[in-house]
Amino acid sequence: MTRTNELKYTSVEICAGAGGQAVGLHNAGFKHAALIEIDRDACQTLRANTERNPEWTGCKVIEADLREFDPTGLGLEPGELDLLAGGVPCPPFSAAGKQLGRDDERDLFPTMLELIDQLEPKAVMIENVRGLLDPKFAEYRQDIIKRLESMGYEECYWDILEAKKYEVPQLRPRAILVAMKPEYARYFEHSKPEEKPPVSVGQALHDSMRERYDAVAHDPRAEQAFKKWYEKALEGVAPTVVGGSKKHGGADLGPTRAKRAWAELGVCGLGVANEPHEMKDVERDLFSPLGPKLTVTQAALIQGFPADWKFSGRKTAAYRQVGNAFPPPVAQAVGEQIYAAFEAAEKAPKS
């Protein structure tokens, strides 16, 4: 992933997590004024990757509960901000979260709408699970659109984008809402990605898995184990990487159905491996009968993160950040469309 545009338009992101959406929007040409996140480990991840990085100069990482956050502290005048983006919590609209919608105390859509009202950004981008577009939430979605329209926004689209169509080696459908002020919305084009063969798990992880097995090349099983994994991993994309919540125990690669899908790709889903320089149990991490376990770094590659994006915290906390992230390439594609609308509006003749 590389940056495609000049860092020209400003953005603020809520519920920033480990930075998946932030990386994508940065690569689309958005200069972050602030990344707001409640989780301490995720905030440390954001700081570790943005502080002292000249590409991210001026980006403040703010650890805060969004429901208690005062946007006046951002120092932005109403209408000054170009893009307000964020992935509000998914459980209110996911099957695992019981789909309680507006009755779920974790629903932050009302808080997001209040921030839009106060900051008056030129554009808004919100991502969530595909369940939000289920028929049972039609009235809820309509209420959100009505509120946005009352604040002077036009809905550009509310659609499900599938990560594997954006060269992310994973099945990960996400519901994306884009709304803009009318003078920009008229130039917005929601173009679909061009049809390409999906990137397989084998293609995405070949180099990193090769490195892990090379580190134990003295073991006579290493070469055959790598080849066995690689043949299977070329067969398809991964199931959805799941981060889980702090209420659950250690990290693994999801429920039973997901673990079966991973096994078909030559990966053992019964846990997460240590990074090569921290590997303590070779049998557990590389020579399980089901295949190697993934490291946090490899799970991040499956999400579409750049290889040099580092995750803070202990292994379970780091994996949770990865599993809960928004794939950067999808965010970048949407960001580029918003950026193009801004540029088109700038270049349009003034009436």
Protein backbone atom coordinates (compact mmCIF):
# COMPACT_ATOMS: atom_id res chain seq x y z
CA MET A 1 0.00 0.00 0.00
CA THR A 2 1.31 3.41 -0.93
CA ARG A 3 -0.03 6.91 -0.59
CA THR A 4 -1.74 7.97 -3.79
CA ASN A 5 -2.44 11.66 -3.17
CA GLU A 6 -0.86 14.72 -1.64
CA LEU A 7 -1.67 15.04 2.09
CA LYS A 8 -4.12 17.83 1.47
CA TYR A 9 -7.39 17.40 3.37
CA THR A 10 -7.85 17.18 7.13
CA SER A 11 -9.53 14.36 9.01
CA VAL A 12 -10.51 13.40 12.53
CA GLU A 13 -11.23 9.78 13.32
CA ILE A 14 -13.26 8.36 16.20
CA CYS A 15 -13.02 4.78 17.52
CA ALA A 16 -9.69 4.64 15.69
CA GLY A 17 -8.64 1.26 17.14
CA ALA A 18 -5.24 0.13 15.93
CA GLY A 19 -5.36 2.43 12.91
CA GLY A 20 -6.72 0.36 10.02
CA GLN A 21 -9.00 3.11 8.76
CA ALA A 22 -6.40 5.75 9.63
CA VAL A 23 -3.74 4.03 7.50
CA GLY A 24 -6.14 3.74 4.58
CA LEU A 25 -7.31 7.35 4.76
CA HIS A 26 -3.73 8.57 5.19
CA ASN A 27 -2.77 6.70 2.02
CA ALA A 28 -5.74 8.31 0.28
CA GLY A 29 -4.32 11.76 1.10
CA PHE A 30 -5.98 12.72 4.38
CA LYS A 31 -3.90 14.45 7.03
CA HIS A 32 -5.13 13.40 10.45
CA ALA A 33 -5.62 16.10 13.04
CA ALA A 34 -6.66 13.59 15.70
CA LEU A 35 -7.23 9.88 16.29
CA ILE A 36 -9.63 9.26 19.19
CA GLU A 37 -9.74 5.85 20.88
CA ILE A 38 -10.68 4.51 24.33
CA ASP A 39 -8.46 1.40 24.46
CA ARG A 40 -5.07 2.07 26.04
CA ASP A 41 -3.15 -0.57 24.08
CA ALA A 42 -4.63 0.64 20.80
CA CYS A 43 -3.67 4.23 21.66
CA GLN A 44 -0.12 3.06 22.29
CA THR A 45 -0.15 1.33 18.89
CA LEU A 46 -1.28 4.57 17.23
CA ARG A 47 1.39 6.61 19.02
CA ALA A 48 4.14 4.11 18.25
CA ASN A 49 3.39 4.30 14.53
CA THR A 50 2.65 8.02 14.15
CA GLU A 51 4.89 9.87 16.62
CA ARG A 52 8.24 10.80 15.11
CA ASN A 53 6.90 9.86 11.67
CA PRO A 54 7.03 13.02 9.52
CA GLU A 55 4.16 11.72 7.37
CA TRP A 56 1.90 11.98 10.45
CA THR A 57 3.07 15.36 11.76
CA GLY A 58 0.31 17.17 13.63
CA CYS A 59 -1.69 14.02 14.42
CA LYS A 60 -2.84 13.90 18.06
CA VAL A 61 -3.71 10.52 19.59
CA ILE A 62 -6.42 11.13 22.19
CA GLU A 63 -7.33 8.42 24.69
CA ALA A 64 -10.93 9.17 25.59
CA ASP A 65 -14.42 7.77 26.04
CA LEU A 66 -16.25 9.27 23.08
CA ARG A 67 -19.37 9.85 25.17
CA GLU A 68 -17.37 12.17 27.42
CA PHE A 69 -15.24 13.79 24.71
CA ASP A 70 -15.44 17.56 24.17
CA PRO A 71 -14.63 18.34 20.51
CA THR A 72 -13.82 21.97 21.31
CA GLY A 73 -10.46 20.64 22.51
CA LEU A 74 -9.57 19.88 18.90
CA GLY A 75 -9.30 23.60 18.19
CA LEU A 76 -11.34 23.34 14.99
CA GLU A 77 -13.91 25.91 13.96
CA PRO A 78 -17.26 24.52 12.74
CA GLY A 79 -16.93 23.71 9.03
CA GLU A 80 -13.12 23.75 9.08
CA LEU A 81 -12.70 19.95 9.14
CA ASP A 82 -12.78 18.13 5.80
CA LEU A 83 -13.62 14.58 6.94
CA LEU A 84 -14.97 13.05 10.14
CA ALA A 85 -14.56 9.27 9.98
CA GLY A 86 -14.91 6.33 12.30
CA GLY A 87 -16.06 2.81 12.95
CA VAL A 88 -18.64 3.02 15.72
CA PRO A 89 -18.89 -0.16 17.84
CA CYS A 90 -20.23 -3.16 15.93
CA PRO A 91 -21.94 -5.30 18.64
CA PRO A 92 -25.29 -3.44 18.50
CA PHE A 93 -25.68 -4.63 14.89
CA SER A 94 -23.79 -7.95 14.86
CA ALA A 95 -25.21 -11.41 15.44
CA ALA A 96 -22.62 -12.00 18.17
CA GLY A 97 -23.76 -8.79 19.87
CA LYS A 98 -27.45 -9.86 19.74
CA GLN A 99 -28.39 -7.04 17.32
CA LEU A 100 -30.01 -4.83 19.94
CA GLY A 101 -29.46 -1.70 17.81
CA ARG A 102 -30.53 1.53 19.50
CA ASP A 103 -31.31 -0.43 22.70
CA ASP A 104 -27.65 -1.40 23.09
CA GLU A 105 -25.70 0.86 25.45
CA ARG A 106 -22.68 0.45 23.15
CA ASP A 107 -24.47 2.19 20.27
CA LEU A 108 -22.39 5.30 19.51
CA PHE A 109 -24.25 6.47 16.41
CA PRO A 110 -26.04 9.18 18.47
CA THR A 111 -22.65 10.36 19.77
CA MET A 112 -21.22 10.40 16.25
CA LEU A 113 -24.18 12.46 15.05
CA GLU A 114 -23.63 14.96 17.86
CA LEU A 115 -19.98 15.33 16.81
CA ILE A 116 -21.06 15.91 13.21
CA ASP A 117 -23.45 18.60 14.43
CA GLN A 118 -20.70 20.32 16.41
CA LEU A 119 -17.79 20.00 13.95
CA GLU A 120 -19.79 20.40 10.70
CA PRO A 121 -17.23 18.53 8.57
CA LYS A 122 -17.49 18.65 4.80
CA ALA A 123 -17.78 14.85 4.64
CA VAL A 124 -18.62 11.94 6.92
CA MET A 125 -17.55 8.30 6.60
CA ILE A 126 -18.85 5.64 9.00
CA GLU A 127 -18.12 1.90 8.85
CA ASN A 128 -19.81 -0.96 10.65
CA VAL A 129 -20.74 -4.63 10.29
CA ARG A 130 -22.91 -5.73 7.39
CA GLY A 131 -25.71 -6.52 9.87
CA LEU A 132 -26.48 -2.81 10.06
CA LEU A 133 -27.97 -3.09 6.56
CA ASP A 134 -30.32 -5.92 7.59
CA PRO A 135 -34.04 -5.16 7.07
CA LYS A 136 -34.62 -5.07 10.85
CA PHE A 137 -32.53 -1.87 11.04
CA ALA A 138 -34.24 -0.08 8.11
CA GLU A 139 -36.04 2.38 10.40
CA TYR A 140 -32.85 3.00 12.39
CA ARG A 141 -30.90 3.76 9.19
CA GLN A 142 -33.65 6.06 7.98
CA ASP A 143 -33.51 7.98 11.26
CA ILE A 144 -29.76 8.48 10.80
CA ILE A 145 -30.21 9.72 7.22
CA LYS A 146 -32.97 12.12 8.30
CA ARG A 147 -30.73 13.52 11.02
CA LEU A 148 -27.86 13.98 8.56
CA GLU A 149 -30.17 15.70 6.09
CA SER A 150 -31.39 18.03 8.82
CA MET A 151 -27.74 19.03 9.32
CA GLY A 152 -27.28 19.76 5.63
CA TYR A 153 -25.75 16.51 4.34
CA GLU A 154 -26.59 14.33 1.37
CA GLU A 155 -26.24 10.56 1.53
CA CYS A 156 -23.72 9.55 -1.14
CA TYR A 157 -24.22 5.85 -0.49
CA TRP A 158 -24.71 3.26 2.23
CA ASP A 159 -23.45 -0.04 0.91
CA ILE A 160 -21.67 -3.27 1.78
CA LEU A 161 -18.07 -3.45 0.58
CA GLU A 162 -16.36 -6.84 0.53
CA ALA A 163 -12.68 -6.68 1.51
CA LYS A 164 -11.53 -9.46 -0.82
CA LYS A 165 -12.51 -7.29 -3.81
CA TYR A 166 -9.92 -4.75 -2.63
CA GLU A 167 -7.01 -7.22 -2.66
CA VAL A 168 -7.42 -8.06 1.02
CA PRO A 169 -6.97 -11.86 1.42
CA GLN A 170 -10.05 -12.20 3.61
CA LEU A 171 -13.83 -12.44 3.56
CA ARG A 172 -14.79 -9.28 5.43
CA PRO A 173 -17.96 -7.46 4.36
CA ARG A 174 -18.39 -4.01 5.92
CA ALA A 175 -21.26 -1.54 5.78
CA ILE A 176 -19.98 1.90 4.74
CA LEU A 177 -21.88 5.18 4.90
CA VAL A 178 -20.58 8.27 3.11
CA ALA A 179 -22.41 11.61 3.38
CA MET A 180 -21.21 15.01 2.19
CA LYS A 181 -22.30 18.60 2.06
CA PRO A 182 -24.23 19.14 -1.21
CA GLU A 183 -21.51 21.18 -2.90
CA TYR A 184 -19.21 18.12 -2.65
CA ALA A 185 -21.79 15.33 -2.87
CA ARG A 186 -22.64 16.27 -6.45
CA TYR A 187 -19.10 15.30 -7.46
CA PHE A 188 -18.92 12.04 -5.50
CA GLU A 189 -18.61 8.87 -7.58
CA HIS A 190 -19.02 5.52 -5.86
CA SER A 191 -17.05 3.40 -8.30
CA LYS A 192 -16.74 -0.35 -7.75
CA PRO A 193 -13.26 -1.92 -7.77
CA GLU A 194 -12.20 -3.51 -11.02
CA GLU A 195 -12.63 -7.27 -11.10
CA LYS A 196 -9.39 -9.07 -10.20
CA PRO A 197 -8.62 -12.55 -8.92
CA PRO A 198 -8.61 -12.38 -5.10
CA VAL A 199 -5.29 -12.44 -3.26
CA SER A 200 -4.90 -15.82 -1.54
CA VAL A 201 -3.63 -16.42 1.98
CA GLY A 202 -0.61 -18.15 0.43
CA GLN A 203 0.26 -15.11 -1.67
CA ALA A 204 -0.15 -12.74 1.28
CA LEU A 205 1.83 -14.77 3.80
CA HIS A 206 4.44 -16.54 1.66
CA ASP A 207 7.40 -14.37 2.66
CA SER A 208 6.57 -14.13 6.36
CA MET A 209 5.86 -17.87 6.65
CA ARG A 210 9.04 -18.67 4.72
CA GLU A 211 10.97 -16.56 7.23
CA ARG A 212 9.42 -18.42 10.17
CA TYR A 213 10.32 -21.85 8.80
CA ASP A 214 13.79 -20.69 7.74
CA ALA A 215 14.40 -19.78 11.38
CA VAL A 216 14.09 -23.51 12.24
CA ALA A 217 15.71 -24.81 9.05
CA HIS A 218 17.81 -27.18 11.17
CA ASP A 219 14.62 -29.17 11.86
CA PRO A 220 14.25 -31.83 9.12
CA ARG A 221 10.46 -31.28 9.07
CA ALA A 222 10.66 -27.58 8.22
CA GLU A 223 10.79 -27.63 4.42
CA GLN A 224 8.05 -30.21 4.01
CA ALA A 225 5.82 -28.42 6.55
CA PHE A 226 6.23 -25.13 4.67
CA LYS A 227 5.38 -26.72 1.31
CA LYS A 228 2.33 -28.47 2.77
CA TRP A 229 1.05 -25.18 4.23
CA TYR A 230 1.74 -23.21 1.06
CA GLU A 231 -0.11 -25.62 -1.25
CA LYS A 232 -3.22 -25.38 0.92
CA ALA A 233 -2.92 -21.63 1.51
CA LEU A 234 -2.97 -20.89 -2.22
CA GLU A 235 -6.49 -22.30 -2.38
CA GLY A 236 -8.36 -19.23 -1.20
CA VAL A 237 -8.93 -16.24 1.06
CA ALA A 238 -9.23 -16.33 4.83
CA PRO A 239 -12.45 -16.30 6.81
CA THR A 240 -13.15 -13.11 8.76
CA VAL A 241 -10.41 -12.40 11.29
CA VAL A 242 -12.16 -11.97 14.63
CA GLY A 243 -10.67 -9.97 17.49
CA GLY A 244 -13.20 -10.81 20.18
CA SER A 245 -13.67 -8.82 23.37
CA LYS A 246 -11.89 -8.38 26.65
CA LYS A 247 -14.53 -10.57 28.32
CA HIS A 248 -13.20 -13.65 26.53
CA GLY A 249 -9.95 -15.50 27.11
CA GLY A 250 -6.85 -15.86 24.96
CA ALA A 251 -6.64 -15.16 21.26
CA ASP A 252 -7.62 -17.69 18.60
CA LEU A 253 -8.88 -17.47 15.05
CA GLY A 254 -12.60 -17.47 15.75
CA PRO A 255 -15.53 -19.86 16.19
CA THR A 256 -15.58 -23.51 15.09
CA ARG A 257 -16.65 -22.80 11.50
CA ALA A 258 -13.83 -20.28 11.07
CA LYS A 259 -11.29 -22.71 12.52
CA ARG A 260 -12.40 -25.32 9.98
CA ALA A 261 -11.96 -22.80 7.17
CA TRP A 262 -8.49 -21.95 8.44
CA ALA A 263 -7.59 -25.67 8.60
CA GLU A 264 -8.50 -26.00 4.91
CA LEU A 265 -5.91 -23.26 4.27
CA GLY A 266 -3.28 -25.17 6.24
CA VAL A 267 -3.50 -22.94 9.33
CA CYS A 268 -4.18 -24.05 12.90
CA GLY A 269 -6.76 -21.68 14.40
CA LEU A 270 -6.41 -22.93 17.99
CA GLY A 271 -4.41 -19.94 19.18
CA VAL A 272 -1.96 -17.32 17.95
CA ALA A 273 1.77 -17.93 17.56
CA ASN A 274 4.57 -15.91 19.07
CA GLU A 275 6.62 -13.76 16.73
CA PRO A 276 9.77 -15.54 15.40
CA HIS A 277 12.14 -13.71 17.77
CA GLU A 278 9.94 -14.70 20.74
CA MET A 279 9.15 -18.28 19.74
CA LYS A 280 9.32 -20.64 22.72
CA ASP A 281 7.34 -23.65 21.54
CA VAL A 282 8.19 -24.74 17.99
CA GLU A 283 5.79 -27.68 18.12
CA ARG A 284 2.86 -25.46 19.10
CA ASP A 285 3.60 -22.60 16.72
CA LEU A 286 4.86 -24.36 13.56
CA PHE A 287 4.35 -28.12 13.68
CA SER A 288 0.79 -28.60 14.85
CA PRO A 289 -1.00 -31.43 12.97
CA LEU A 290 -3.37 -28.77 11.56
CA GLY A 291 -0.50 -26.58 10.35
CA PRO A 292 1.26 -23.46 11.64
CA LYS A 293 -0.49 -20.93 13.83
CA LEU A 294 -0.47 -17.32 12.65
CA THR A 295 1.51 -14.60 14.41
CA VAL A 296 -0.08 -11.22 15.17
CA THR A 297 2.00 -9.76 12.33
CA GLN A 298 0.60 -12.32 9.89
CA ALA A 299 -2.98 -11.71 11.04
CA ALA A 300 -2.33 -8.02 10.33
CA LEU A 301 -1.18 -8.87 6.80
CA ILE A 302 -4.46 -10.76 6.32
CA GLN A 303 -6.23 -7.52 7.32
CA GLY A 304 -4.26 -5.55 4.76
CA PHE A 305 -2.00 -3.63 7.17
CA PRO A 306 1.45 -2.64 5.91
CA ALA A 307 4.18 -4.97 7.16
CA ASP A 308 5.88 -2.21 9.17
CA TRP A 309 2.78 -1.28 11.23
CA LYS A 310 3.53 -2.46 14.79
CA PHE A 311 1.00 -3.42 17.47
CA SER A 312 1.48 -2.64 21.17
CA GLY A 313 0.49 -4.67 24.21
CA ARG A 314 0.68 -8.35 25.05
CA LYS A 315 -0.07 -10.90 22.35
CA THR A 316 -3.79 -11.28 23.12
CA ALA A 317 -4.32 -7.50 23.29
CA ALA A 318 -2.36 -6.98 20.07
CA TYR A 319 -4.29 -9.69 18.24
CA ARG A 320 -7.59 -8.21 19.46
CA GLN A 321 -6.60 -4.88 17.91
CA VAL A 322 -5.85 -6.58 14.60
CA GLY A 323 -9.06 -8.61 14.58
CA ASN A 324 -11.24 -5.58 15.30
CA ALA A 325 -9.62 -3.41 12.61
CA PHE A 326 -11.01 -2.05 9.36
CA PRO A 327 -8.88 -3.25 6.40
CA PRO A 328 -6.72 -0.31 5.26
CA PRO A 329 -7.11 -0.98 1.50
CA VAL A 330 -10.91 -0.69 1.75
CA ALA A 331 -10.63 2.57 3.72
CA GLN A 332 -8.14 3.86 1.17
CA ALA A 333 -10.47 3.13 -1.75
CA VAL A 334 -13.37 4.99 -0.12
CA GLY A 335 -11.05 7.81 0.97
CA GLU A 336 -9.79 8.26 -2.58
CA GLN A 337 -13.38 8.72 -3.79
CA ILE A 338 -14.05 11.36 -1.12
CA TYR A 339 -10.75 13.08 -1.97
CA ALA A 340 -11.67 13.09 -5.68
CA ALA A 341 -15.00 14.75 -4.90
CA PHE A 342 -13.23 17.49 -2.92
CA GLU A 343 -10.78 18.08 -5.76
CA ALA A 344 -13.54 18.18 -8.36
CA ALA A 345 -15.46 20.73 -6.28
CA GLU A 346 -12.30 22.88 -5.97
CA LYS A 347 -11.75 22.85 -9.73
CA ALA A 348 -15.38 23.47 -10.68
CA PRO A 349 -16.12 26.91 -12.07
CA LYS A 350 -17.65 29.19 -9.45
CA SER A 351 -21.12 30.36 -10.41
